[in-house]
Amino acid sequence: MAETYSGEFYCVKCKAKREATGEVQVNDKGTRMAKAKCPECGTNLNRILGKA
């Protein structure tokens, strides 16, 4: 089961903080990142959560 993150993301296109739920992924360096879609404009949102 994939880990999820629910909280605030910053949308670069809207220039505002948005509440969203996204899937947590680990990149090549071992950093956990949550990825979601902006509920207003549909832009991809990323939030860095720290080391795994």
PDB file of N, CA and C in Angstrom:
ATOM      1  N   MET A   1       0.842  -1.189   0.000  1.00  0.00           N
ATOM      2  CA  MET A   1       0.000   0.000   0.000  1.00  0.00           C
ATOM      3  C   MET A   1       0.882   1.246   0.000  1.00  0.00           C
ATOM      4  N   ALA A   2       0.582   2.179  -0.871  1.00  0.00           N
ATOM      5  CA  ALA A   2       1.370   3.399  -0.996  1.00  0.00           C
ATOM      6  C   ALA A   2       1.045   4.366   0.145  1.00  0.00           C
ATOM      7  N   GLU A   3       2.076   5.035   0.610  1.00  0.00           N
ATOM      8  CA  GLU A   3       1.906   6.032   1.668  1.00  0.00           C
ATOM      9  C   GLU A   3       1.334   7.309   1.058  1.00  0.00           C
ATOM     10  N   THR A   4       0.449   7.979   1.796  1.00  0.00           N
ATOM     11  CA  THR A   4      -0.123   9.237   1.313  1.00  0.00           C
ATOM     12  C   THR A   4       0.177  10.352   2.293  1.00  0.00           C
ATOM     13  N   TYR A   5       0.164  11.579   1.792  1.00  0.00           N
ATOM     14  CA  TYR A   5       0.375  12.768   2.605  1.00  0.00           C
ATOM     15  C   TYR A   5      -0.799  13.706   2.364  1.00  0.00           C
ATOM     16  N   SER A   6      -1.394  14.193   3.425  1.00  0.00           N
ATOM     17  CA  SER A   6      -2.494  15.136   3.315  1.00  0.00           C
ATOM     18  C   SER A   6      -2.106  16.405   4.066  1.00  0.00           C
ATOM     19  N   GLY A   7      -2.081  17.526   3.367  1.00  0.00           N
ATOM     20  CA  GLY A   7      -1.695  18.774   4.007  1.00  0.00           C
ATOM     21  C   GLY A   7      -1.541  19.889   3.001  1.00  0.00           C
ATOM     22  N   GLU A   8      -0.746  20.893   3.374  1.00  0.00           N
ATOM     23  CA  GLU A   8      -0.564  22.062   2.525  1.00  0.00           C
ATOM     24  C   GLU A   8       0.546  21.868   1.511  1.00  0.00           C
ATOM     25  N   PHE A   9       0.258  22.265   0.293  1.00  0.00           N
ATOM     26  CA  PHE A   9       1.232  22.329  -0.790  1.00  0.00           C
ATOM     27  C   PHE A   9       1.239  23.770  -1.275  1.00  0.00           C
ATOM     28  N   TYR A  10       2.345  24.212  -1.874  1.00  0.00           N
ATOM     29  CA  TYR A  10       2.399  25.544  -2.465  1.00  0.00           C
ATOM     30  C   TYR A  10       2.260  25.412  -3.967  1.00  0.00           C
ATOM     31  N   CYS A  11       1.266  26.075  -4.542  1.00  0.00           N
ATOM     32  CA  CYS A  11       1.065  26.062  -5.987  1.00  0.00           C
ATOM     33  C   CYS A  11       1.808  27.246  -6.593  1.00  0.00           C
ATOM     34  N   VAL A  12       2.751  26.959  -7.492  1.00  0.00           N
ATOM     35  CA  VAL A  12       3.560  28.001  -8.110  1.00  0.00           C
ATOM     36  C   VAL A  12       2.722  28.821  -9.093  1.00  0.00           C
ATOM     37  N   LYS A  13       1.798  28.173  -9.765  1.00  0.00           N
ATOM     38  CA  LYS A  13       0.970  28.869 -10.750  1.00  0.00           C
ATOM     39  C   LYS A  13      -0.035  29.810 -10.059  1.00  0.00           C
ATOM     40  N   CYS A  14      -0.711  29.346  -9.019  1.00  0.00           N
ATOM     41  CA  CYS A  14      -1.694  30.168  -8.285  1.00  0.00           C
ATOM     42  C   CYS A  14      -1.022  31.127  -7.301  1.00  0.00           C
ATOM     43  N   LYS A  15       0.230  30.811  -6.920  1.00  0.00           N
ATOM     44  CA  LYS A  15       0.975  31.561  -5.899  1.00  0.00           C
ATOM     45  C   LYS A  15       0.221  31.590  -4.572  1.00  0.00           C
ATOM     46  N   ALA A  16      -0.279  30.411  -4.180  1.00  0.00           N
ATOM     47  CA  ALA A  16      -1.031  30.285  -2.930  1.00  0.00           C
ATOM     48  C   ALA A  16      -0.846  28.882  -2.368  1.00  0.00           C
ATOM     49  N   LYS A  17      -1.085  28.741  -1.058  1.00  0.00           N
ATOM     50  CA  LYS A  17      -1.037  27.439  -0.417  1.00  0.00           C
ATOM     51  C   LYS A  17      -2.395  26.769  -0.592  1.00  0.00           C
ATOM     52  N   ARG A  18      -2.356  25.489  -0.939  1.00  0.00           N
ATOM     53  CA  ARG A  18      -3.577  24.723  -1.186  1.00  0.00           C
ATOM     54  C   ARG A  18      -3.558  23.445  -0.354  1.00  0.00           C
ATOM     55  N   GLU A  19      -4.720  23.037   0.136  1.00  0.00           N
ATOM     56  CA  GLU A  19      -4.866  21.762   0.831  1.00  0.00           C
ATOM     57  C   GLU A  19      -5.081  20.679  -0.221  1.00  0.00           C
ATOM     58  N   ALA A  20      -4.286  19.605  -0.149  1.00  0.00           N
ATOM     59  CA  ALA A  20      -4.418  18.512  -1.108  1.00  0.00           C
ATOM     60  C   ALA A  20      -3.904  17.225  -0.472  1.00  0.00           C
ATOM     61  N   THR A  21      -4.233  16.114  -1.103  1.00  0.00           N
ATOM     62  CA  THR A  21      -3.755  14.804  -0.680  1.00  0.00           C
ATOM     63  C   THR A  21      -2.965  14.209  -1.830  1.00  0.00           C
ATOM     64  N   GLY A  22      -1.754  13.724  -1.524  1.00  0.00           N
ATOM     65  CA  GLY A  22      -0.909  13.184  -2.575  1.00  0.00           C
ATOM     66  C   GLY A  22      -0.159  11.949  -2.148  1.00  0.00           C
ATOM     67  N   GLU A  23       0.402  11.266  -3.121  1.00  0.00           N
ATOM     68  CA  GLU A  23       1.165  10.049  -2.899  1.00  0.00           C
ATOM     69  C   GLU A  23       2.616  10.386  -2.578  1.00  0.00           C
ATOM     70  N   VAL A  24       3.189   9.684  -1.596  1.00  0.00           N
ATOM     71  CA  VAL A  24       4.591   9.904  -1.204  1.00  0.00           C
ATOM     72  C   VAL A  24       5.478   8.994  -2.025  1.00  0.00           C
ATOM     73  N   GLN A  25       6.528   9.586  -2.630  1.00  0.00           N
ATOM     74  CA  GLN A  25       7.509   8.848  -3.413  1.00  0.00           C
ATOM     75  C   GLN A  25       8.896   9.168  -2.880  1.00  0.00           C
ATOM     76  N   VAL A  26       9.830   8.248  -3.092  1.00  0.00           N
ATOM     77  CA  VAL A  26      11.223   8.452  -2.690  1.00  0.00           C
ATOM     78  C   VAL A  26      12.049   8.644  -3.949  1.00  0.00           C
ATOM     79  N   ASN A  27      12.804   9.761  -4.008  1.00  0.00           N
ATOM     80  CA  ASN A  27      13.618  10.014  -5.206  1.00  0.00           C
ATOM     81  C   ASN A  27      14.956   9.286  -5.103  1.00  0.00           C
ATOM     82  N   ASP A  28      15.836   9.494  -6.076  1.00  0.00           N
ATOM     83  CA  ASP A  28      17.121   8.790  -6.145  1.00  0.00           C
ATOM     84  C   ASP A  28      18.038   9.090  -4.969  1.00  0.00           C
ATOM     85  N   LYS A  29      17.935  10.293  -4.404  1.00  0.00           N
ATOM     86  CA  LYS A  29      18.788  10.681  -3.280  1.00  0.00           C
ATOM     87  C   LYS A  29      18.250  10.183  -1.941  1.00  0.00           C
ATOM     88  N   GLY A  30      17.063   9.584  -1.929  1.00  0.00           N
ATOM     89  CA  GLY A  30      16.472   9.071  -0.699  1.00  0.00           C
ATOM     90  C   GLY A  30      15.562  10.072  -0.007  1.00  0.00           C
ATOM     91  N   THR A  31      15.220  11.150  -0.672  1.00  0.00           N
ATOM     92  CA  THR A  31      14.340  12.160  -0.097  1.00  0.00           C
ATOM     93  C   THR A  31      12.887  11.804  -0.389  1.00  0.00           C
ATOM     94  N   ARG A  32      12.042  11.889   0.634  1.00  0.00           N
ATOM     95  CA  ARG A  32      10.613  11.629   0.452  1.00  0.00           C
ATOM     96  C   ARG A  32       9.934  12.884  -0.090  1.00  0.00           C
ATOM     97  N   MET A  33       9.116  12.714  -1.127  1.00  0.00           N
ATOM     98  CA  MET A  33       8.401  13.824  -1.738  1.00  0.00           C
ATOM     99  C   MET A  33       6.946  13.434  -1.926  1.00  0.00           C
ATOM    100  N   ALA A  34       6.042  14.352  -1.594  1.00  0.00           N
ATOM    101  CA  ALA A  34       4.619  14.130  -1.838  1.00  0.00           C
ATOM    102  C   ALA A  34       4.254  14.825  -3.140  1.00  0.00           C
ATOM    103  N   LYS A  35       3.513  14.128  -3.994  1.00  0.00           N
ATOM    104  CA  LYS A  35       3.100  14.678  -5.283  1.00  0.00           C
ATOM    105  C   LYS A  35       1.588  14.655  -5.355  1.00  0.00           C
ATOM    106  N   ALA A  36       1.003  15.795  -5.784  1.00  0.00           N
ATOM    107  CA  ALA A  36      -0.451  15.918  -5.886  1.00  0.00           C
ATOM    108  C   ALA A  36      -0.798  16.859  -7.031  1.00  0.00           C
ATOM    109  N   LYS A  37      -2.083  17.084  -7.237  1.00  0.00           N
ATOM    110  CA  LYS A  37      -2.585  18.025  -8.239  1.00  0.00           C
ATOM    111  C   LYS A  37      -3.292  19.167  -7.520  1.00  0.00           C
ATOM    112  N   CYS A  38      -3.114  20.384  -8.028  1.00  0.00           N
ATOM    113  CA  CYS A  38      -3.787  21.551  -7.457  1.00  0.00           C
ATOM    114  C   CYS A  38      -5.290  21.438  -7.722  1.00  0.00           C
ATOM    115  N   PRO A  39      -6.118  21.598  -6.679  1.00  0.00           N
ATOM    116  CA  PRO A  39      -7.567  21.500  -6.877  1.00  0.00           C
ATOM    117  C   PRO A  39      -8.148  22.664  -7.688  1.00  0.00           C
ATOM    118  N   GLU A  40      -7.439  23.784  -7.779  1.00  0.00           N
ATOM    119  CA  GLU A  40      -7.934  24.957  -8.504  1.00  0.00           C
ATOM    120  C   GLU A  40      -7.555  24.944  -9.983  1.00  0.00           C
ATOM    121  N   CYS A  41      -6.255  24.730 -10.279  1.00  0.00           N
ATOM    122  CA  CYS A  41      -5.786  24.869 -11.665  1.00  0.00           C
ATOM    123  C   CYS A  41      -5.280  23.567 -12.284  1.00  0.00           C
ATOM    124  N   GLY A  42      -5.083  22.513 -11.484  1.00  0.00           N
ATOM    125  CA  GLY A  42      -4.644  21.232 -12.026  1.00  0.00           C
ATOM    126  C   GLY A  42      -3.147  21.082 -12.200  1.00  0.00           C
ATOM    127  N   THR A  43      -2.356  22.051 -11.745  1.00  0.00           N
ATOM    128  CA  THR A  43      -0.903  21.993 -11.839  1.00  0.00           C
ATOM    129  C   THR A  43      -0.360  20.934 -10.872  1.00  0.00           C
ATOM    130  N   ASN A  44       0.754  20.287 -11.247  1.00  0.00           N
ATOM    131  CA  ASN A  44       1.397  19.338 -10.345  1.00  0.00           C
ATOM    132  C   ASN A  44       1.969  20.065  -9.143  1.00  0.00           C
ATOM    133  N   LEU A  45       1.768  19.501  -7.955  1.00  0.00           N
ATOM    134  CA  LEU A  45       2.294  20.069  -6.713  1.00  0.00           C
ATOM    135  C   LEU A  45       3.305  19.106  -6.128  1.00  0.00           C
ATOM    136  N   ASN A  46       4.383  19.629  -5.561  1.00  0.00           N
ATOM    137  CA  ASN A  46       5.399  18.826  -4.890  1.00  0.00           C
ATOM    138  C   ASN A  46       5.658  19.399  -3.510  1.00  0.00           C
ATOM    139  N   ARG A  47       5.888  18.518  -2.547  1.00  0.00           N
ATOM    140  CA  ARG A  47       6.276  18.946  -1.212  1.00  0.00           C
ATOM    141  C   ARG A  47       7.373  17.998  -0.738  1.00  0.00           C
ATOM    142  N   ILE A  48       8.506  18.568  -0.341  1.00  0.00           N
ATOM    143  CA  ILE A  48       9.634  17.777   0.156  1.00  0.00           C
ATOM    144  C   ILE A  48       9.397  17.490   1.629  1.00  0.00           C
ATOM    145  N   LEU A  49       9.437  16.205   2.010  1.00  0.00           N
ATOM    146  CA  LEU A  49       9.133  15.802   3.372  1.00  0.00           C
ATOM    147  C   LEU A  49      10.369  15.447   4.192  1.00  0.00           C
ATOM    148  N   GLY A  50      11.525  15.259   3.561  1.00  0.00           N
ATOM    149  CA  GLY A  50      12.743  14.949   4.293  1.00  0.00           C
ATOM    150  C   GLY A  50      13.271  13.575   3.928  1.00  0.00           C
ATOM    151  N   LYS A  51      14.324  13.151   4.602  1.00  0.00           N
ATOM    152  CA  LYS A  51      14.961  11.878   4.301  1.00  0.00           C
ATOM    153  C   LYS A  51      14.071  10.705   4.719  1.00  0.00           C
ATOM    154  N   ALA A  52      14.222   9.616   3.984  1.00  0.00           N
ATOM    155  CA  ALA A  52      13.419   8.401   4.241  1.00  0.00           C
ATOM    156  C   ALA A  52      13.919   7.672   5.468  1.00  0.00           C
TER     157      ALA A  52
END
